[in-house]
């Protein structure tokens, strides 16, 4: 199921070409038995990653990937961590479909 419209995807492609200079990693923390909104959060992250070759997605299981959960200080799921040249502490909990997305 696609979440982003074609118009939004094209907007993001142009924006990322213009503004995104370095690679960005988007880490999504979820679990195998999907929590409420985990599926939607992962879907948004995966769709956004298709708009630029500089965006890489890493999927972690909140229960099984305990070291990564501790490393990135993840408290709940779904959780999204945005990592650029370094980790600036940008975290989103829940589905970034409202103001968080923009």
PDB file of N, CA and C in Angstrom:
ATOM      1  N   UNK A   1       0.842  -1.180   0.000  1.00  0.00           N
ATOM      2  CA  UNK A   1       0.000   0.000   0.000  1.00  0.00           C
ATOM      3  C   UNK A   1       0.891   1.248   0.000  1.00  0.00           C
ATOM      4  N   UNK A   2       0.705   2.072  -0.978  1.00  0.00           N
ATOM      5  CA  UNK A   2       1.463   3.317  -1.037  1.00  0.00           C
ATOM      6  C   UNK A   2       0.809   4.366  -0.156  1.00  0.00           C
ATOM      7  N   UNK A   3       1.650   5.107   0.521  1.00  0.00           N
ATOM      8  CA  UNK A   3       1.163   6.133   1.429  1.00  0.00           C
ATOM      9  C   UNK A   3       1.334   7.514   0.810  1.00  0.00           C
ATOM     10  N   UNK A   4       2.464   7.721   0.135  1.00  0.00           N
ATOM     11  CA  UNK A   4       2.754   9.021  -0.461  1.00  0.00           C
ATOM     12  C   UNK A   4       2.163   9.112  -1.869  1.00  0.00           C
ATOM     13  N   UNK A   5       1.621  10.260  -2.188  1.00  0.00           N
ATOM     14  CA  UNK A   5       1.102  10.474  -3.533  1.00  0.00           C
ATOM     15  C   UNK A   5       2.272  10.663  -4.501  1.00  0.00           C
ATOM     16  N   UNK A   6       2.020  10.514  -5.782  1.00  0.00           N
ATOM     17  CA  UNK A   6       3.057  10.748  -6.786  1.00  0.00           C
ATOM     18  C   UNK A   6       3.573  12.182  -6.705  1.00  0.00           C
ATOM     19  N   UNK A   7       2.673  13.112  -6.438  1.00  0.00           N
ATOM     20  CA  UNK A   7       3.059  14.522  -6.293  1.00  0.00           C
ATOM     21  C   UNK A   7       4.040  14.702  -5.138  1.00  0.00           C
ATOM     22  N   UNK A   8       3.751  14.078  -3.997  1.00  0.00           N
ATOM     23  CA  UNK A   8       4.634  14.171  -2.835  1.00  0.00           C
ATOM     24  C   UNK A   8       5.992  13.532  -3.112  1.00  0.00           C
ATOM     25  N   UNK A   9       5.989  12.384  -3.777  1.00  0.00           N
ATOM     26  CA  UNK A   9       7.250  11.716  -4.110  1.00  0.00           C
ATOM     27  C   UNK A   9       8.111  12.588  -5.014  1.00  0.00           C
ATOM     28  N   UNK A  10       7.482  13.200  -6.007  1.00  0.00           N
ATOM     29  CA  UNK A  10       8.236  14.071  -6.916  1.00  0.00           C
ATOM     30  C   UNK A  10       8.776  15.288  -6.176  1.00  0.00           C
ATOM     31  N   UNK A  11       7.986  15.854  -5.292  1.00  0.00           N
ATOM     32  CA  UNK A  11       8.440  16.981  -4.477  1.00  0.00           C
ATOM     33  C   UNK A  11       9.665  16.583  -3.658  1.00  0.00           C
ATOM     34  N   UNK A  12       9.603  15.406  -3.017  1.00  0.00           N
ATOM     35  CA  UNK A  12      10.728  14.935  -2.211  1.00  0.00           C
ATOM     36  C   UNK A  12      11.967  14.675  -3.063  1.00  0.00           C
ATOM     37  N   UNK A  13      11.790  14.081  -4.229  1.00  0.00           N
ATOM     38  CA  UNK A  13      12.940  13.838  -5.124  1.00  0.00           C
ATOM     39  C   UNK A  13      13.665  15.147  -5.436  1.00  0.00           C
ATOM     40  N   UNK A  14      12.909  16.144  -5.830  1.00  0.00           N
ATOM     41  CA  UNK A  14      13.509  17.446  -6.169  1.00  0.00           C
ATOM     42  C   UNK A  14      14.165  18.085  -4.945  1.00  0.00           C
ATOM     43  N   UNK A  15      13.492  18.023  -3.828  1.00  0.00           N
ATOM     44  CA  UNK A  15      14.029  18.596  -2.595  1.00  0.00           C
ATOM     45  C   UNK A  15      15.331  17.911  -2.186  1.00  0.00           C
ATOM     46  N   UNK A  16      15.363  16.599  -2.257  1.00  0.00           N
ATOM     47  CA  UNK A  16      16.554  15.859  -1.851  1.00  0.00           C
ATOM     48  C   UNK A  16      17.719  16.081  -2.810  1.00  0.00           C
ATOM     49  N   UNK A  17      17.442  16.190  -4.095  1.00  0.00           N
ATOM     50  CA  UNK A  17      18.513  16.484  -5.057  1.00  0.00           C
ATOM     51  C   UNK A  17      19.138  17.833  -4.733  1.00  0.00           C
ATOM     52  N   UNK A  18      18.294  18.787  -4.401  1.00  0.00           N
ATOM     53  CA  UNK A  18      18.756  20.143  -4.114  1.00  0.00           C
ATOM     54  C   UNK A  18      19.437  20.265  -2.747  1.00  0.00           C
ATOM     55  N   UNK A  19      18.885  19.630  -1.727  1.00  0.00           N
ATOM     56  CA  UNK A  19      19.319  19.887  -0.349  1.00  0.00           C
ATOM     57  C   UNK A  19      20.151  18.781   0.300  1.00  0.00           C
ATOM     58  N   UNK A  20      19.983  17.546  -0.137  1.00  0.00           N
ATOM     59  CA  UNK A  20      20.622  16.425   0.540  1.00  0.00           C
ATOM     60  C   UNK A  20      22.025  16.205  -0.020  1.00  0.00           C
ATOM     61  N   UNK A  21      23.011  16.598   0.757  1.00  0.00           N
ATOM     62  CA  UNK A  21      24.405  16.524   0.291  1.00  0.00           C
ATOM     63  C   UNK A  21      25.070  15.211   0.670  1.00  0.00           C
ATOM     64  N   UNK A  22      24.764  14.690   1.856  1.00  0.00           N
ATOM     65  CA  UNK A  22      25.393  13.483   2.369  1.00  0.00           C
ATOM     66  C   UNK A  22      24.368  12.378   2.556  1.00  0.00           C
ATOM     67  N   UNK A  23      24.873  11.169   2.741  1.00  0.00           N
ATOM     68  CA  UNK A  23      24.000  10.035   2.983  1.00  0.00           C
ATOM     69  C   UNK A  23      23.295  10.177   4.334  1.00  0.00           C
ATOM     70  N   UNK A  24      22.046   9.739   4.371  1.00  0.00           N
ATOM     71  CA  UNK A  24      21.241   9.737   5.587  1.00  0.00           C
ATOM     72  C   UNK A  24      20.748   8.320   5.818  1.00  0.00           C
ATOM     73  N   UNK A  25      20.896   7.874   7.046  1.00  0.00           N
ATOM     74  CA  UNK A  25      20.365   6.571   7.429  1.00  0.00           C
ATOM     75  C   UNK A  25      19.093   6.790   8.223  1.00  0.00           C
ATOM     76  N   UNK A  26      18.057   6.055   7.853  1.00  0.00           N
ATOM     77  CA  UNK A  26      16.811   6.081   8.608  1.00  0.00           C
ATOM     78  C   UNK A  26      16.678   4.709   9.255  1.00  0.00           C
ATOM     79  N   UNK A  27      16.724   4.697  10.572  1.00  0.00           N
ATOM     80  CA  UNK A  27      16.597   3.457  11.326  1.00  0.00           C
ATOM     81  C   UNK A  27      15.159   3.350  11.812  1.00  0.00           C
ATOM     82  N   UNK A  28      14.526   2.233  11.524  1.00  0.00           N
ATOM     83  CA  UNK A  28      13.157   2.008  11.968  1.00  0.00           C
ATOM     84  C   UNK A  28      13.178   0.832  12.944  1.00  0.00           C
ATOM     85  N   UNK A  29      12.609   1.062  14.108  1.00  0.00           N
ATOM     86  CA  UNK A  29      12.534   0.033  15.141  1.00  0.00           C
ATOM     87  C   UNK A  29      11.092  -0.440  15.233  1.00  0.00           C
ATOM     88  N   UNK A  30      10.908  -1.739  15.086  1.00  0.00           N
ATOM     89  CA  UNK A  30       9.593  -2.345  15.064  1.00  0.00           C
ATOM     90  C   UNK A  30       9.703  -3.712  15.731  1.00  0.00           C
ATOM     91  N   UNK A  31       8.778  -4.599  15.484  1.00  0.00           N
ATOM     92  CA  UNK A  31       8.906  -5.983  15.941  1.00  0.00           C
ATOM     93  C   UNK A  31       8.163  -6.874  14.977  1.00  0.00           C
ATOM     94  N   UNK A  32       8.473  -8.174  15.023  1.00  0.00           N
ATOM     95  CA  UNK A  32       7.892  -9.108  14.054  1.00  0.00           C
ATOM     96  C   UNK A  32       6.372  -9.128  14.108  1.00  0.00           C
ATOM     97  N   UNK A  33       5.829  -9.210  15.301  1.00  0.00           N
ATOM     98  CA  UNK A  33       4.377  -9.115  15.435  1.00  0.00           C
ATOM     99  C   UNK A  33       4.120  -7.619  15.503  1.00  0.00           C
ATOM    100  N   UNK A  34       3.663  -7.083  14.393  1.00  0.00           N
ATOM    101  CA  UNK A  34       3.582  -5.626  14.255  1.00  0.00           C
ATOM    102  C   UNK A  34       2.760  -4.997  15.363  1.00  0.00           C
ATOM    103  N   UNK A  35       3.336  -3.985  15.933  1.00  0.00           N
ATOM    104  CA  UNK A  35       2.636  -3.192  16.932  1.00  0.00           C
ATOM    105  C   UNK A  35       1.643  -2.264  16.207  1.00  0.00           C
ATOM    106  N   UNK A  36       0.849  -1.563  16.974  1.00  0.00           N
ATOM    107  CA  UNK A  36      -0.056  -0.615  16.344  1.00  0.00           C
ATOM    108  C   UNK A  36       0.786   0.453  15.657  1.00  0.00           C
ATOM    109  N   UNK A  37       0.575   0.696  14.413  1.00  0.00           N
ATOM    110  CA  UNK A  37       1.227   1.700  13.578  1.00  0.00           C
ATOM    111  C   UNK A  37       2.635   1.341  13.127  1.00  0.00           C
ATOM    112  N   UNK A  38       3.184   0.200  13.533  1.00  0.00           N
ATOM    113  CA  UNK A  38       4.528  -0.177  13.061  1.00  0.00           C
ATOM    114  C   UNK A  38       4.539  -0.366  11.543  1.00  0.00           C
ATOM    115  N   UNK A  39       3.525  -1.007  11.030  1.00  0.00           N
ATOM    116  CA  UNK A  39       3.449  -1.260   9.588  1.00  0.00           C
ATOM    117  C   UNK A  39       3.405   0.050   8.813  1.00  0.00           C
ATOM    118  N   UNK A  40       2.616   1.005   9.276  1.00  0.00           N
ATOM    119  CA  UNK A  40       2.497   2.292   8.593  1.00  0.00           C
ATOM    120  C   UNK A  40       3.797   3.091   8.681  1.00  0.00           C
ATOM    121  N   UNK A  41       4.422   3.089   9.855  1.00  0.00           N
ATOM    122  CA  UNK A  41       5.681   3.821  10.023  1.00  0.00           C
ATOM    123  C   UNK A  41       6.757   3.247   9.111  1.00  0.00           C
ATOM    124  N   UNK A  42       6.851   1.934   9.069  1.00  0.00           N
ATOM    125  CA  UNK A  42       7.837   1.297   8.186  1.00  0.00           C
ATOM    126  C   UNK A  42       7.532   1.604   6.725  1.00  0.00           C
ATOM    127  N   UNK A  43       6.262   1.597   6.363  1.00  0.00           N
ATOM    128  CA  UNK A  43       5.870   1.905   4.992  1.00  0.00           C
ATOM    129  C   UNK A  43       6.292   3.303   4.574  1.00  0.00           C
ATOM    130  N   UNK A  44       6.085   4.281   5.442  1.00  0.00           N
ATOM    131  CA  UNK A  44       6.485   5.653   5.132  1.00  0.00           C
ATOM    132  C   UNK A  44       8.000   5.740   4.956  1.00  0.00           C
ATOM    133  N   UNK A  45       8.732   5.126   5.873  1.00  0.00           N
ATOM    134  CA  UNK A  45      10.200   5.154   5.801  1.00  0.00           C
ATOM    135  C   UNK A  45      10.682   4.517   4.491  1.00  0.00           C
ATOM    136  N   UNK A  46      10.136   3.380   4.157  1.00  0.00           N
ATOM    137  CA  UNK A  46      10.556   2.698   2.933  1.00  0.00           C
ATOM    138  C   UNK A  46      10.193   3.498   1.681  1.00  0.00           C
ATOM    139  N   UNK A  47       9.035   4.124   1.680  1.00  0.00           N
ATOM    140  CA  UNK A  47       8.652   4.957   0.537  1.00  0.00           C
ATOM    141  C   UNK A  47       9.560   6.170   0.393  1.00  0.00           C
ATOM    142  N   UNK A  48       9.851   6.833   1.504  1.00  0.00           N
ATOM    143  CA  UNK A  48      10.730   7.999   1.446  1.00  0.00           C
ATOM    144  C   UNK A  48      12.098   7.596   0.911  1.00  0.00           C
ATOM    145  N   UNK A  49      12.582   6.427   1.281  1.00  0.00           N
ATOM    146  CA  UNK A  49      13.901   5.988   0.828  1.00  0.00           C
ATOM    147  C   UNK A  49      13.972   5.788  -0.682  1.00  0.00           C
ATOM    148  N   UNK A  50      12.831   5.569  -1.325  1.00  0.00           N
ATOM    149  CA  UNK A  50      12.835   5.378  -2.780  1.00  0.00           C
ATOM    150  C   UNK A  50      13.013   6.695  -3.535  1.00  0.00           C
ATOM    151  N   UNK A  51      12.965   7.812  -2.828  1.00  0.00           N
ATOM    152  CA  UNK A  51      13.057   9.111  -3.494  1.00  0.00           C
ATOM    153  C   UNK A  51      14.488   9.619  -3.618  1.00  0.00           C
ATOM    154  N   UNK A  52      15.449   8.925  -2.997  1.00  0.00           N
ATOM    155  CA  UNK A  52      16.850   9.351  -3.102  1.00  0.00           C
ATOM    156  C   UNK A  52      17.787   8.178  -2.838  1.00  0.00           C
ATOM    157  N   UNK A  53      18.842   8.091  -3.648  1.00  0.00           N
ATOM    158  CA  UNK A  53      19.862   7.068  -3.443  1.00  0.00           C
ATOM    159  C   UNK A  53      20.683   7.339  -2.190  1.00  0.00           C
ATOM    160  N   UNK A  54      20.585   8.529  -1.642  1.00  0.00           N
ATOM    161  CA  UNK A  54      21.359   8.895  -0.458  1.00  0.00           C
ATOM    162  C   UNK A  54      20.668   8.503   0.842  1.00  0.00           C
ATOM    163  N   UNK A  55      19.451   7.980   0.734  1.00  0.00           N
ATOM    164  CA  UNK A  55      18.709   7.572   1.928  1.00  0.00           C
ATOM    165  C   UNK A  55      18.759   6.057   2.041  1.00  0.00           C
ATOM    166  N   UNK A  56      19.295   5.588   3.160  1.00  0.00           N
ATOM    167  CA  UNK A  56      19.400   4.148   3.428  1.00  0.00           C
ATOM    168  C   UNK A  56      18.536   3.804   4.630  1.00  0.00           C
ATOM    169  N   UNK A  57      17.811   2.713   4.529  1.00  0.00           N
ATOM    170  CA  UNK A  57      16.922   2.277   5.611  1.00  0.00           C
ATOM    171  C   UNK A  57      17.527   1.052   6.295  1.00  0.00           C
ATOM    172  N   UNK A  58      17.499   1.082   7.617  1.00  0.00           N
ATOM    173  CA  UNK A  58      17.901  -0.066   8.415  1.00  0.00           C
ATOM    174  C   UNK A  58      16.726  -0.408   9.325  1.00  0.00           C
ATOM    175  N   UNK A  59      16.298  -1.666   9.277  1.00  0.00           N
ATOM    176  CA  UNK A  59      15.158  -2.110  10.075  1.00  0.00           C
ATOM    177  C   UNK A  59      15.675  -2.945  11.239  1.00  0.00           C
ATOM    178  N   UNK A  60      15.252  -2.595  12.446  1.00  0.00           N
ATOM    179  CA  UNK A  60      15.658  -3.311  13.646  1.00  0.00           C
ATOM    180  C   UNK A  60      14.440  -3.787  14.416  1.00  0.00           C
ATOM    181  N   UNK A  61      14.588  -4.955  14.994  1.00  0.00           N
ATOM    182  CA  UNK A  61      13.550  -5.539  15.825  1.00  0.00           C
ATOM    183  C   UNK A  61      13.761  -5.046  17.251  1.00  0.00           C
ATOM    184  N   UNK A  62      12.754  -4.426  17.814  1.00  0.00           N
ATOM    185  CA  UNK A  62      12.835  -3.828  19.148  1.00  0.00           C
ATOM    186  C   UNK A  62      13.222  -4.840  20.224  1.00  0.00           C
ATOM    187  N   UNK A  63      12.811  -6.078  20.068  1.00  0.00           N
ATOM    188  CA  UNK A  63      13.103  -7.110  21.059  1.00  0.00           C
ATOM    189  C   UNK A  63      14.439  -7.791  20.767  1.00  0.00           C
ATOM    190  N   UNK A  64      14.659  -8.202  19.536  1.00  0.00           N
ATOM    191  CA  UNK A  64      15.846  -8.985  19.178  1.00  0.00           C
ATOM    192  C   UNK A  64      17.117  -8.145  19.049  1.00  0.00           C
ATOM    193  N   UNK A  65      17.006  -6.907  18.615  1.00  0.00           N
ATOM    194  CA  UNK A  65      18.181  -6.059  18.397  1.00  0.00           C
ATOM    195  C   UNK A  65      18.421  -5.151  19.599  1.00  0.00           C
ATOM    196  N   UNK A  66      18.561  -5.781  20.739  1.00  0.00           N
ATOM    197  CA  UNK A  66      18.681  -5.066  22.013  1.00  0.00           C
ATOM    198  C   UNK A  66      19.862  -4.090  22.027  1.00  0.00           C
ATOM    199  N   UNK A  67      20.980  -4.470  21.423  1.00  0.00           N
ATOM    200  CA  UNK A  67      22.162  -3.588  21.404  1.00  0.00           C
ATOM    201  C   UNK A  67      21.874  -2.289  20.648  1.00  0.00           C
ATOM    202  N   UNK A  68      21.209  -2.403  19.504  1.00  0.00           N
ATOM    203  CA  UNK A  68      20.867  -1.207  18.715  1.00  0.00           C
ATOM    204  C   UNK A  68      19.854  -0.337  19.455  1.00  0.00           C
ATOM    205  N   UNK A  69      18.908  -0.979  20.127  1.00  0.00           N
ATOM    206  CA  UNK A  69      17.909  -0.243  20.912  1.00  0.00           C
ATOM    207  C   UNK A  69      18.612   0.591  21.978  1.00  0.00           C
ATOM    208  N   UNK A  70      19.570  -0.001  22.655  1.00  0.00           N
ATOM    209  CA  UNK A  70      20.322   0.724  23.690  1.00  0.00           C
ATOM    210  C   UNK A  70      21.214   1.794  23.067  1.00  0.00           C
ATOM    211  N   UNK A  71      21.907   1.449  21.987  1.00  0.00           N
ATOM    212  CA  UNK A  71      22.817   2.393  21.322  1.00  0.00           C
ATOM    213  C   UNK A  71      22.092   3.675  20.915  1.00  0.00           C
ATOM    214  N   UNK A  72      20.900   3.536  20.366  1.00  0.00           N
ATOM    215  CA  UNK A  72      20.148   4.693  19.868  1.00  0.00           C
ATOM    216  C   UNK A  72      19.105   5.193  20.864  1.00  0.00           C
ATOM    217  N   UNK A  73      19.103   4.628  22.055  1.00  0.00           N
ATOM    218  CA  UNK A  73      18.228   5.055  23.146  1.00  0.00           C
ATOM    219  C   UNK A  73      16.755   5.098  22.726  1.00  0.00           C
ATOM    220  N   UNK A  74      16.308   3.983  22.190  1.00  0.00           N
ATOM    221  CA  UNK A  74      14.926   3.852  21.737  1.00  0.00           C
ATOM    222  C   UNK A  74      14.074   3.358  22.902  1.00  0.00           C
ATOM    223  N   UNK A  75      12.984   4.039  23.167  1.00  0.00           N
ATOM    224  CA  UNK A  75      12.144   3.713  24.313  1.00  0.00           C
ATOM    225  C   UNK A  75      10.844   2.996  23.956  1.00  0.00           C
ATOM    226  N   UNK A  76      10.296   3.255  22.774  1.00  0.00           N
ATOM    227  CA  UNK A  76       9.007   2.697  22.363  1.00  0.00           C
ATOM    228  C   UNK A  76       9.065   2.376  20.878  1.00  0.00           C
ATOM    229  N   UNK A  77       8.035   1.694  20.416  1.00  0.00           N
ATOM    230  CA  UNK A  77       7.915   1.445  18.987  1.00  0.00           C
ATOM    231  C   UNK A  77       6.519   1.832  18.528  1.00  0.00           C
ATOM    232  N   UNK A  78       6.349   2.170  17.267  1.00  0.00           N
ATOM    233  CA  UNK A  78       7.413   2.294  16.287  1.00  0.00           C
ATOM    234  C   UNK A  78       8.289   3.511  16.584  1.00  0.00           C
ATOM    235  N   UNK A  79       9.559   3.371  16.271  1.00  0.00           N
ATOM    236  CA  UNK A  79      10.506   4.464  16.465  1.00  0.00           C
ATOM    237  C   UNK A  79      11.341   4.630  15.207  1.00  0.00           C
ATOM    238  N   UNK A  80      11.620   5.872  14.890  1.00  0.00           N
ATOM    239  CA  UNK A  80      12.441   6.203  13.725  1.00  0.00           C
ATOM    240  C   UNK A  80      13.572   7.094  14.211  1.00  0.00           C
ATOM    241  N   UNK A  81      14.797   6.714  13.853  1.00  0.00           N
ATOM    242  CA  UNK A  81      15.973   7.529  14.160  1.00  0.00           C
ATOM    243  C   UNK A  81      16.566   8.001  12.841  1.00  0.00           C
ATOM    244  N   UNK A  82      16.858   9.284  12.749  1.00  0.00           N
ATOM    245  CA  UNK A  82      17.462   9.864  11.562  1.00  0.00           C
ATOM    246  C   UNK A  82      18.936  10.116  11.882  1.00  0.00           C
ATOM    247  N   UNK A  83      19.822   9.507  11.093  1.00  0.00           N
ATOM    248  CA  UNK A  83      21.252   9.603  11.348  1.00  0.00           C
ATOM    249  C   UNK A  83      21.944  10.168  10.112  1.00  0.00           C
ATOM    250  N   UNK A  84      22.605  11.292  10.271  1.00  0.00           N
ATOM    251  CA  UNK A  84      23.375  11.892   9.182  1.00  0.00           C
ATOM    252  C   UNK A  84      24.845  11.566   9.356  1.00  0.00           C
ATOM    253  N   UNK A  85      25.723  12.554   9.161  1.00  0.00           N
ATOM    254  CA  UNK A  85      27.154  12.337   9.386  1.00  0.00           C
ATOM    255  C   UNK A  85      27.411  11.876  10.810  1.00  0.00           C
ATOM    256  N   UNK A  86      26.546  12.327  11.719  1.00  0.00           N
ATOM    257  CA  UNK A  86      26.583  11.854  13.096  1.00  0.00           C
ATOM    258  C   UNK A  86      25.148  11.762  13.592  1.00  0.00           C
ATOM    259  N   UNK A  87      25.002  11.244  14.781  1.00  0.00           N
ATOM    260  CA  UNK A  87      23.677  11.101  15.371  1.00  0.00           C
ATOM    261  C   UNK A  87      23.355  12.364  16.163  1.00  0.00           C
ATOM    262  N   UNK A  88      22.410  13.149  15.644  1.00  0.00           N
ATOM    263  CA  UNK A  88      22.002  14.386  16.309  1.00  0.00           C
ATOM    264  C   UNK A  88      20.861  14.165  17.309  1.00  0.00           C
ATOM    265  N   UNK A  89      20.452  12.920  17.488  1.00  0.00           N
ATOM    266  CA  UNK A  89      19.395  12.616  18.447  1.00  0.00           C
ATOM    267  C   UNK A  89      17.989  12.805  17.918  1.00  0.00           C
ATOM    268  N   UNK A  90      17.822  12.822  16.603  1.00  0.00           N
ATOM    269  CA  UNK A  90      16.490  13.006  16.021  1.00  0.00           C
ATOM    270  C   UNK A  90      15.740  11.674  16.089  1.00  0.00           C
ATOM    271  N   UNK A  91      14.625  11.683  16.814  1.00  0.00           N
ATOM    272  CA  UNK A  91      13.808  10.485  16.989  1.00  0.00           C
ATOM    273  C   UNK A  91      12.340  10.848  16.796  1.00  0.00           C
ATOM    274  N   UNK A  92      11.621   9.945  16.157  1.00  0.00           N
ATOM    275  CA  UNK A  92      10.176  10.069  16.019  1.00  0.00           C
ATOM    276  C   UNK A  92       9.559   8.791  16.569  1.00  0.00           C
ATOM    277  N   UNK A  93       8.535   8.944  17.365  1.00  0.00           N
ATOM    278  CA  UNK A  93       7.802   7.796  17.882  1.00  0.00           C
ATOM    279  C   UNK A  93       6.390   7.852  17.310  1.00  0.00           C
ATOM    280  N   UNK A  94       5.921   6.698  16.853  1.00  0.00           N
ATOM    281  CA  UNK A  94       4.608   6.644  16.226  1.00  0.00           C
ATOM    282  C   UNK A  94       4.749   6.817  14.720  1.00  0.00           C
ATOM    283  N   UNK A  95       3.669   7.164  14.077  1.00  0.00           N
ATOM    284  CA  UNK A  95       3.660   7.336  12.623  1.00  0.00           C
ATOM    285  C   UNK A  95       3.893   8.808  12.298  1.00  0.00           C
ATOM    286  N   UNK A  96       4.947   9.124  11.553  1.00  0.00           N
ATOM    287  CA  UNK A  96       5.198  10.526  11.196  1.00  0.00           C
ATOM    288  C   UNK A  96       4.336  10.948  10.006  1.00  0.00           C
ATOM    289  N   UNK A  97       3.051  11.003  10.217  1.00  0.00           N
ATOM    290  CA  UNK A  97       2.145  11.304   9.102  1.00  0.00           C
ATOM    291  C   UNK A  97       1.480  12.660   9.225  1.00  0.00           C
ATOM    292  N   UNK A  98       1.735  13.359  10.295  1.00  0.00           N
ATOM    293  CA  UNK A  98       1.150  14.687  10.470  1.00  0.00           C
ATOM    294  C   UNK A  98       2.211  15.730  10.276  1.00  0.00           C
ATOM    295  N   UNK A  99       2.317  16.641  11.212  1.00  0.00           N
ATOM    296  CA  UNK A  99       3.304  17.706  11.124  1.00  0.00           C
ATOM    297  C   UNK A  99       4.732  17.184  11.166  1.00  0.00           C
ATOM    298  N   UNK A 100       4.952  16.004  11.811  1.00  0.00           N
ATOM    299  CA  UNK A 100       6.284  15.432  11.881  1.00  0.00           C
ATOM    300  C   UNK A 100       6.833  15.162  10.488  1.00  0.00           C
ATOM    301  N   UNK A 101       5.965  14.707   9.607  1.00  0.00           N
ATOM    302  CA  UNK A 101       6.418  14.363   8.259  1.00  0.00           C
ATOM    303  C   UNK A 101       6.855  15.597   7.492  1.00  0.00           C
ATOM    304  N   UNK A 102       6.094  16.659   7.592  1.00  0.00           N
ATOM    305  CA  UNK A 102       6.455  17.853   6.854  1.00  0.00           C
ATOM    306  C   UNK A 102       7.670  18.513   7.466  1.00  0.00           C
TER     307      UNK A 102
END
